[in-house]
């Protein structure tokens, strides 16, 4: 078996979080008197961490480091208060994860969402012990597509990078896979387009979670 483990992105890959992210962001924008954005706009705002989300959501002419820092703090508080309102697993994710566990394929999550949020949300939606490691963005580790987080997850999983699939929905994830020497698997049900995934050299693109299982059985 070529592939021995799998690392997942979380938002847009395992969980559809976009409505809660949009609601929390728009609430802050409205309170500040800035224009709100439709849900669809947030597909392009997310992916590079919460700070970049706030930066992209603000009108370009008002963006300063001080303002982004302030609103980022408010976003974290506001998002946590609603982070389970509309978020849910994508159809088929639960079954896929159960089957991977039955196959004894070790799994991890590496996200650009703040680390404490990733752990809280994962604990809410997934069974304890399902993932060997769960990691979000931390101050001392560069965000994806830097490969350091992926390398750390591979060490936790007990595999070399070339034995690991990296599954995600965006160019950030496919670039992370390439930078880490892993095999990138793009998912078509997430926040970004199939064209973006192809442009960033996804080795595979799957249209349903269950299709991931075939990459282990055929490897």
C-alpha atoms as a PDB file:
ATOM      1  CA  UNK A   1       0.000   0.000   0.000  1.00  0.00           C
ATOM      2  CA  UNK A   2       1.610   3.245  -1.132  1.00  0.00           C
ATOM      3  CA  UNK A   3      -0.507   5.590   0.971  1.00  0.00           C
ATOM      4  CA  UNK A   4      -0.530   4.868   4.681  1.00  0.00           C
ATOM      5  CA  UNK A   5      -2.162   7.966   6.202  1.00  0.00           C
ATOM      6  CA  UNK A   6      -4.258  11.005   5.380  1.00  0.00           C
ATOM      7  CA  UNK A   7      -4.260  14.643   6.480  1.00  0.00           C
ATOM      8  CA  UNK A   8      -7.432  16.671   6.037  1.00  0.00           C
ATOM      9  CA  UNK A   9      -8.091  20.354   5.816  1.00  0.00           C
ATOM     10  CA  UNK A  10     -11.199  21.090   7.896  1.00  0.00           C
ATOM     11  CA  UNK A  11     -13.297  24.013   6.591  1.00  0.00           C
ATOM     12  CA  UNK A  12     -14.660  23.282   3.127  1.00  0.00           C
ATOM     13  CA  UNK A  13     -13.346  19.719   3.246  1.00  0.00           C
ATOM     14  CA  UNK A  14     -14.814  17.941   6.264  1.00  0.00           C
ATOM     15  CA  UNK A  15     -17.173  20.654   7.500  1.00  0.00           C
ATOM     16  CA  UNK A  16     -19.336  23.223   5.730  1.00  0.00           C
ATOM     17  CA  UNK A  17     -18.619  26.205   7.970  1.00  0.00           C
ATOM     18  CA  UNK A  18     -19.208  29.052   5.536  1.00  0.00           C
ATOM     19  CA  UNK A  19     -22.573  30.253   6.870  1.00  0.00           C
ATOM     20  CA  UNK A  20     -21.353  30.678  10.439  1.00  0.00           C
ATOM     21  CA  UNK A  21     -18.164  32.378   9.234  1.00  0.00           C
ATOM     22  CA  UNK A  22     -20.162  34.755   7.036  1.00  0.00           C
ATOM     23  CA  UNK A  23     -22.667  35.523   9.796  1.00  0.00           C
ATOM     24  CA  UNK A  24     -19.958  36.289  12.362  1.00  0.00           C
ATOM     25  CA  UNK A  25     -17.994  38.444   9.922  1.00  0.00           C
ATOM     26  CA  UNK A  26     -21.020  40.357   8.665  1.00  0.00           C
ATOM     27  CA  UNK A  27     -22.146  41.070  12.217  1.00  0.00           C
ATOM     28  CA  UNK A  28     -18.848  42.830  12.916  1.00  0.00           C
ATOM     29  CA  UNK A  29     -18.897  44.703   9.612  1.00  0.00           C
ATOM     30  CA  UNK A  30     -22.443  45.906  10.279  1.00  0.00           C
ATOM     31  CA  UNK A  31     -21.551  47.085  13.784  1.00  0.00           C
ATOM     32  CA  UNK A  32     -18.632  49.063  12.338  1.00  0.00           C
ATOM     33  CA  UNK A  33     -20.748  50.586   9.575  1.00  0.00           C
ATOM     34  CA  UNK A  34     -18.961  48.756   6.751  1.00  0.00           C
ATOM     35  CA  UNK A  35     -20.698  46.927   3.879  1.00  0.00           C
ATOM     36  CA  UNK A  36     -21.677  43.320   4.490  1.00  0.00           C
ATOM     37  CA  UNK A  37     -20.957  40.585   1.957  1.00  0.00           C
ATOM     38  CA  UNK A  38     -23.094  37.800   0.478  1.00  0.00           C
ATOM     39  CA  UNK A  39     -22.343  34.257   1.573  1.00  0.00           C
ATOM     40  CA  UNK A  40     -20.692  33.455  -1.754  1.00  0.00           C
ATOM     41  CA  UNK A  41     -18.032  36.130  -1.279  1.00  0.00           C
ATOM     42  CA  UNK A  42     -16.702  34.321   1.760  1.00  0.00           C
ATOM     43  CA  UNK A  43     -15.663  31.346  -0.368  1.00  0.00           C
ATOM     44  CA  UNK A  44     -12.785  33.531  -1.568  1.00  0.00           C
ATOM     45  CA  UNK A  45     -12.168  35.307   1.742  1.00  0.00           C
ATOM     46  CA  UNK A  46     -11.365  32.128   3.690  1.00  0.00           C
ATOM     47  CA  UNK A  47      -8.427  29.766   3.353  1.00  0.00           C
ATOM     48  CA  UNK A  48      -5.487  31.784   4.640  1.00  0.00           C
ATOM     49  CA  UNK A  49      -6.452  32.148   8.277  1.00  0.00           C
ATOM     50  CA  UNK A  50      -8.763  34.364  10.313  1.00  0.00           C
ATOM     51  CA  UNK A  51      -6.592  37.466  10.059  1.00  0.00           C
ATOM     52  CA  UNK A  52      -6.606  37.339   6.262  1.00  0.00           C
ATOM     53  CA  UNK A  53     -10.374  36.765   6.337  1.00  0.00           C
ATOM     54  CA  UNK A  54     -10.886  40.041   8.194  1.00  0.00           C
ATOM     55  CA  UNK A  55      -8.445  41.851   5.916  1.00  0.00           C
ATOM     56  CA  UNK A  56     -10.335  40.699   2.818  1.00  0.00           C
ATOM     57  CA  UNK A  57     -13.777  41.458   4.246  1.00  0.00           C
ATOM     58  CA  UNK A  58     -12.933  45.072   5.106  1.00  0.00           C
ATOM     59  CA  UNK A  59     -13.049  47.853   2.506  1.00  0.00           C
ATOM     60  CA  UNK A  60      -9.520  48.100   1.140  1.00  0.00           C
ATOM     61  CA  UNK A  61      -9.223  51.802   1.894  1.00  0.00           C
ATOM     62  CA  UNK A  62      -9.753  51.377   5.658  1.00  0.00           C
ATOM     63  CA  UNK A  63      -7.457  48.402   6.268  1.00  0.00           C
ATOM     64  CA  UNK A  64      -4.749  48.971   8.866  1.00  0.00           C
ATOM     65  CA  UNK A  65      -2.926  46.474  11.062  1.00  0.00           C
ATOM     66  CA  UNK A  66      -4.472  48.062  14.139  1.00  0.00           C
ATOM     67  CA  UNK A  67      -8.026  47.772  12.802  1.00  0.00           C
ATOM     68  CA  UNK A  68      -7.535  44.189  11.637  1.00  0.00           C
ATOM     69  CA  UNK A  69      -6.106  43.216  15.036  1.00  0.00           C
ATOM     70  CA  UNK A  70      -9.080  44.767  16.809  1.00  0.00           C
ATOM     71  CA  UNK A  71     -11.701  43.166  14.587  1.00  0.00           C
ATOM     72  CA  UNK A  72      -9.910  39.820  14.633  1.00  0.00           C
ATOM     73  CA  UNK A  73     -10.288  39.732  18.404  1.00  0.00           C
ATOM     74  CA  UNK A  74     -13.976  40.607  18.098  1.00  0.00           C
ATOM     75  CA  UNK A  75     -14.460  38.018  15.349  1.00  0.00           C
ATOM     76  CA  UNK A  76     -13.032  35.235  17.489  1.00  0.00           C
ATOM     77  CA  UNK A  77     -15.446  36.030  20.305  1.00  0.00           C
ATOM     78  CA  UNK A  78     -18.430  36.448  17.998  1.00  0.00           C
ATOM     79  CA  UNK A  79     -17.684  33.385  15.891  1.00  0.00           C
ATOM     80  CA  UNK A  80     -17.313  31.160  18.925  1.00  0.00           C
ATOM     81  CA  UNK A  81     -20.799  32.160  20.053  1.00  0.00           C
ATOM     82  CA  UNK A  82     -22.366  30.868  16.812  1.00  0.00           C
ATOM     83  CA  UNK A  83     -19.832  28.369  15.435  1.00  0.00           C
ATOM     84  CA  UNK A  84     -22.239  25.427  15.759  1.00  0.00           C
ATOM     85  CA  UNK A  85     -25.369  27.192  14.487  1.00  0.00           C
ATOM     86  CA  UNK A  86     -25.262  26.189  10.820  1.00  0.00           C
ATOM     87  CA  UNK A  87     -22.032  24.209  10.476  1.00  0.00           C
ATOM     88  CA  UNK A  88     -22.336  20.526   9.629  1.00  0.00           C
ATOM     89  CA  UNK A  89     -20.427  17.648   8.093  1.00  0.00           C
ATOM     90  CA  UNK A  90     -20.658  17.385   4.336  1.00  0.00           C
ATOM     91  CA  UNK A  91     -22.772  14.460   3.199  1.00  0.00           C
ATOM     92  CA  UNK A  92     -20.794  11.231   3.271  1.00  0.00           C
ATOM     93  CA  UNK A  93     -17.965  12.515   5.477  1.00  0.00           C
ATOM     94  CA  UNK A  94     -19.009  10.600   8.583  1.00  0.00           C
ATOM     95  CA  UNK A  95     -19.248   7.318   6.699  1.00  0.00           C
ATOM     96  CA  UNK A  96     -15.896   7.873   4.979  1.00  0.00           C
ATOM     97  CA  UNK A  97     -14.134   8.603   8.268  1.00  0.00           C
ATOM     98  CA  UNK A  98     -15.648   5.515   9.875  1.00  0.00           C
ATOM     99  CA  UNK A  99     -14.439   3.328   7.016  1.00  0.00           C
ATOM    100  CA  UNK A 100     -10.936   4.803   7.120  1.00  0.00           C
ATOM    101  CA  UNK A 101     -10.836   4.094  10.843  1.00  0.00           C
ATOM    102  CA  UNK A 102     -11.945   0.509  10.188  1.00  0.00           C
ATOM    103  CA  UNK A 103      -9.098   0.186   7.680  1.00  0.00           C
ATOM    104  CA  UNK A 104      -6.737   1.477  10.388  1.00  0.00           C
ATOM    105  CA  UNK A 105      -5.682   4.433   8.287  1.00  0.00           C
ATOM    106  CA  UNK A 106      -4.338   7.083  10.696  1.00  0.00           C
ATOM    107  CA  UNK A 107      -5.836  10.537  10.155  1.00  0.00           C
ATOM    108  CA  UNK A 108      -4.996  14.124  11.090  1.00  0.00           C
ATOM    109  CA  UNK A 109      -6.380  17.625  10.569  1.00  0.00           C
ATOM    110  CA  UNK A 110      -4.236  20.616   9.580  1.00  0.00           C
ATOM    111  CA  UNK A 111      -6.136  23.891   9.252  1.00  0.00           C
ATOM    112  CA  UNK A 112      -5.372  27.593   8.919  1.00  0.00           C
ATOM    113  CA  UNK A 113      -8.160  28.369  11.375  1.00  0.00           C
ATOM    114  CA  UNK A 114      -6.859  29.426  14.822  1.00  0.00           C
ATOM    115  CA  UNK A 115      -5.687  26.357  16.705  1.00  0.00           C
ATOM    116  CA  UNK A 116      -8.052  26.678  19.655  1.00  0.00           C
ATOM    117  CA  UNK A 117     -11.061  27.020  17.331  1.00  0.00           C
ATOM    118  CA  UNK A 118     -10.049  23.988  15.277  1.00  0.00           C
ATOM    119  CA  UNK A 119      -9.767  21.818  18.370  1.00  0.00           C
ATOM    120  CA  UNK A 120     -13.082  23.033  19.817  1.00  0.00           C
ATOM    121  CA  UNK A 121     -14.980  22.463  16.585  1.00  0.00           C
ATOM    122  CA  UNK A 122     -13.364  19.091  15.894  1.00  0.00           C
ATOM    123  CA  UNK A 123     -14.192  17.946  19.431  1.00  0.00           C
ATOM    124  CA  UNK A 124     -17.814  18.931  18.818  1.00  0.00           C
ATOM    125  CA  UNK A 125     -18.290  17.160  15.483  1.00  0.00           C
ATOM    126  CA  UNK A 126     -15.959  14.149  15.609  1.00  0.00           C
ATOM    127  CA  UNK A 127     -15.582  11.196  17.951  1.00  0.00           C
ATOM    128  CA  UNK A 128     -12.711  11.321  20.447  1.00  0.00           C
ATOM    129  CA  UNK A 129      -9.596   9.610  19.165  1.00  0.00           C
ATOM    130  CA  UNK A 130     -10.707   9.588  15.538  1.00  0.00           C
ATOM    131  CA  UNK A 131      -7.779  11.814  14.566  1.00  0.00           C
ATOM    132  CA  UNK A 132      -4.223  11.215  15.730  1.00  0.00           C
ATOM    133  CA  UNK A 133      -3.593  14.955  15.745  1.00  0.00           C
ATOM    134  CA  UNK A 134      -5.626  18.114  15.190  1.00  0.00           C
ATOM    135  CA  UNK A 135      -3.805  21.373  14.538  1.00  0.00           C
ATOM    136  CA  UNK A 136      -4.776  24.880  13.537  1.00  0.00           C
ATOM    137  CA  UNK A 137      -2.758  28.014  12.990  1.00  0.00           C
ATOM    138  CA  UNK A 138      -0.265  28.778  15.751  1.00  0.00           C
ATOM    139  CA  UNK A 139       1.986  31.787  16.206  1.00  0.00           C
ATOM    140  CA  UNK A 140       5.183  29.723  16.096  1.00  0.00           C
ATOM    141  CA  UNK A 141       4.264  27.678  13.002  1.00  0.00           C
ATOM    142  CA  UNK A 142       3.731  29.330   9.596  1.00  0.00           C
ATOM    143  CA  UNK A 143       0.303  28.891   8.045  1.00  0.00           C
ATOM    144  CA  UNK A 144      -0.358  26.677   5.046  1.00  0.00           C
ATOM    145  CA  UNK A 145       0.916  26.475   2.328  1.00  0.00           C
ATOM    146  CA  UNK A 146       4.116  26.392   4.366  1.00  0.00           C
ATOM    147  CA  UNK A 147       4.677  22.649   4.914  1.00  0.00           C
ATOM    148  CA  UNK A 148       5.725  22.756   8.576  1.00  0.00           C
ATOM    149  CA  UNK A 149       2.265  21.912   9.888  1.00  0.00           C
ATOM    150  CA  UNK A 150       1.954  19.042   7.417  1.00  0.00           C
ATOM    151  CA  UNK A 151       5.386  17.723   8.379  1.00  0.00           C
ATOM    152  CA  UNK A 152       4.421  17.809  12.064  1.00  0.00           C
ATOM    153  CA  UNK A 153       1.211  15.913  11.318  1.00  0.00           C
ATOM    154  CA  UNK A 154       3.106  13.275   9.327  1.00  0.00           C
ATOM    155  CA  UNK A 155       5.429  12.741  12.281  1.00  0.00           C
ATOM    156  CA  UNK A 156       2.413  12.320  14.553  1.00  0.00           C
ATOM    157  CA  UNK A 157       0.941   9.835  12.081  1.00  0.00           C
ATOM    158  CA  UNK A 158       4.179   7.866  11.952  1.00  0.00           C
ATOM    159  CA  UNK A 159       4.606   8.085   8.185  1.00  0.00           C
ATOM    160  CA  UNK A 160       6.918   9.780   5.723  1.00  0.00           C
ATOM    161  CA  UNK A 161       5.442  12.646   3.680  1.00  0.00           C
ATOM    162  CA  UNK A 162       5.370  10.607   0.467  1.00  0.00           C
ATOM    163  CA  UNK A 163       3.178   8.012   2.188  1.00  0.00           C
ATOM    164  CA  UNK A 164       0.557  10.618   3.075  1.00  0.00           C
ATOM    165  CA  UNK A 165      -2.449  12.044   1.237  1.00  0.00           C
ATOM    166  CA  UNK A 166      -3.276  15.699   1.866  1.00  0.00           C
ATOM    167  CA  UNK A 167      -6.974  16.349   1.244  1.00  0.00           C
ATOM    168  CA  UNK A 168      -8.395  19.838   0.820  1.00  0.00           C
ATOM    169  CA  UNK A 169     -10.642  22.154  -1.141  1.00  0.00           C
ATOM    170  CA  UNK A 170      -8.343  25.005  -2.159  1.00  0.00           C
ATOM    171  CA  UNK A 171      -5.119  26.068  -3.830  1.00  0.00           C
ATOM    172  CA  UNK A 172      -3.662  26.562  -0.351  1.00  0.00           C
ATOM    173  CA  UNK A 173      -4.117  22.858   0.377  1.00  0.00           C
ATOM    174  CA  UNK A 174      -2.760  21.678  -2.959  1.00  0.00           C
ATOM    175  CA  UNK A 175       0.260  23.958  -2.572  1.00  0.00           C
ATOM    176  CA  UNK A 176       0.776  22.592   0.939  1.00  0.00           C
ATOM    177  CA  UNK A 177       0.781  19.056  -0.431  1.00  0.00           C
ATOM    178  CA  UNK A 178       3.344  19.960  -3.090  1.00  0.00           C
ATOM    179  CA  UNK A 179       5.546  21.825  -0.618  1.00  0.00           C
ATOM    180  CA  UNK A 180       5.459  18.881   1.790  1.00  0.00           C
ATOM    181  CA  UNK A 181       6.091  16.202  -0.832  1.00  0.00           C
ATOM    182  CA  UNK A 182       2.651  14.701  -0.227  1.00  0.00           C
ATOM    183  CA  UNK A 183      -0.039  13.684  -2.699  1.00  0.00           C
ATOM    184  CA  UNK A 184      -2.701  16.368  -3.004  1.00  0.00           C
ATOM    185  CA  UNK A 185      -6.335  15.311  -3.244  1.00  0.00           C
ATOM    186  CA  UNK A 186      -8.789  18.059  -4.136  1.00  0.00           C
ATOM    187  CA  UNK A 187     -12.457  17.848  -3.188  1.00  0.00           C
ATOM    188  CA  UNK A 188     -15.034  19.300  -5.557  1.00  0.00           C
ATOM    189  CA  UNK A 189     -17.683  19.962  -2.878  1.00  0.00           C
ATOM    190  CA  UNK A 190     -15.735  22.645  -0.990  1.00  0.00           C
ATOM    191  CA  UNK A 191     -15.327  26.403  -1.133  1.00  0.00           C
ATOM    192  CA  UNK A 192     -13.145  26.683  -4.241  1.00  0.00           C
ATOM    193  CA  UNK A 193     -13.480  25.532  -7.839  1.00  0.00           C
ATOM    194  CA  UNK A 194     -12.216  22.388  -9.513  1.00  0.00           C
ATOM    195  CA  UNK A 195     -10.357  24.658 -11.939  1.00  0.00           C
ATOM    196  CA  UNK A 196      -8.398  26.143  -9.046  1.00  0.00           C
ATOM    197  CA  UNK A 197      -7.519  22.688  -7.743  1.00  0.00           C
ATOM    198  CA  UNK A 198      -6.317  21.567 -11.173  1.00  0.00           C
ATOM    199  CA  UNK A 199      -4.284  24.740 -11.651  1.00  0.00           C
ATOM    200  CA  UNK A 200      -2.475  23.973  -8.410  1.00  0.00           C
ATOM    201  CA  UNK A 201      -1.607  20.447  -9.468  1.00  0.00           C
ATOM    202  CA  UNK A 202      -4.020  18.301  -7.491  1.00  0.00           C
ATOM    203  CA  UNK A 203      -2.950  14.704  -8.114  1.00  0.00           C
ATOM    204  CA  UNK A 204      -6.549  13.541  -7.706  1.00  0.00           C
ATOM    205  CA  UNK A 205      -9.916  15.270  -7.565  1.00  0.00           C
ATOM    206  CA  UNK A 206     -12.810  13.493  -5.891  1.00  0.00           C
ATOM    207  CA  UNK A 207     -16.499  14.331  -6.178  1.00  0.00           C
ATOM    208  CA  UNK A 208     -17.724  12.359  -3.159  1.00  0.00           C
ATOM    209  CA  UNK A 209     -16.034  11.485   0.144  1.00  0.00           C
ATOM    210  CA  UNK A 210     -16.292   7.748  -0.450  1.00  0.00           C
ATOM    211  CA  UNK A 211     -14.020   8.039  -3.477  1.00  0.00           C
ATOM    212  CA  UNK A 212     -11.082   8.673  -1.164  1.00  0.00           C
ATOM    213  CA  UNK A 213     -11.249   5.056  -0.009  1.00  0.00           C
ATOM    214  CA  UNK A 214     -10.334   3.810  -3.478  1.00  0.00           C
ATOM    215  CA  UNK A 215      -6.994   5.626  -3.293  1.00  0.00           C
ATOM    216  CA  UNK A 216      -6.017   3.348  -0.428  1.00  0.00           C
ATOM    217  CA  UNK A 217      -7.398   0.143  -1.904  1.00  0.00           C
ATOM    218  CA  UNK A 218      -5.693   0.777  -5.254  1.00  0.00           C
ATOM    219  CA  UNK A 219      -2.389   2.096  -3.921  1.00  0.00           C
END
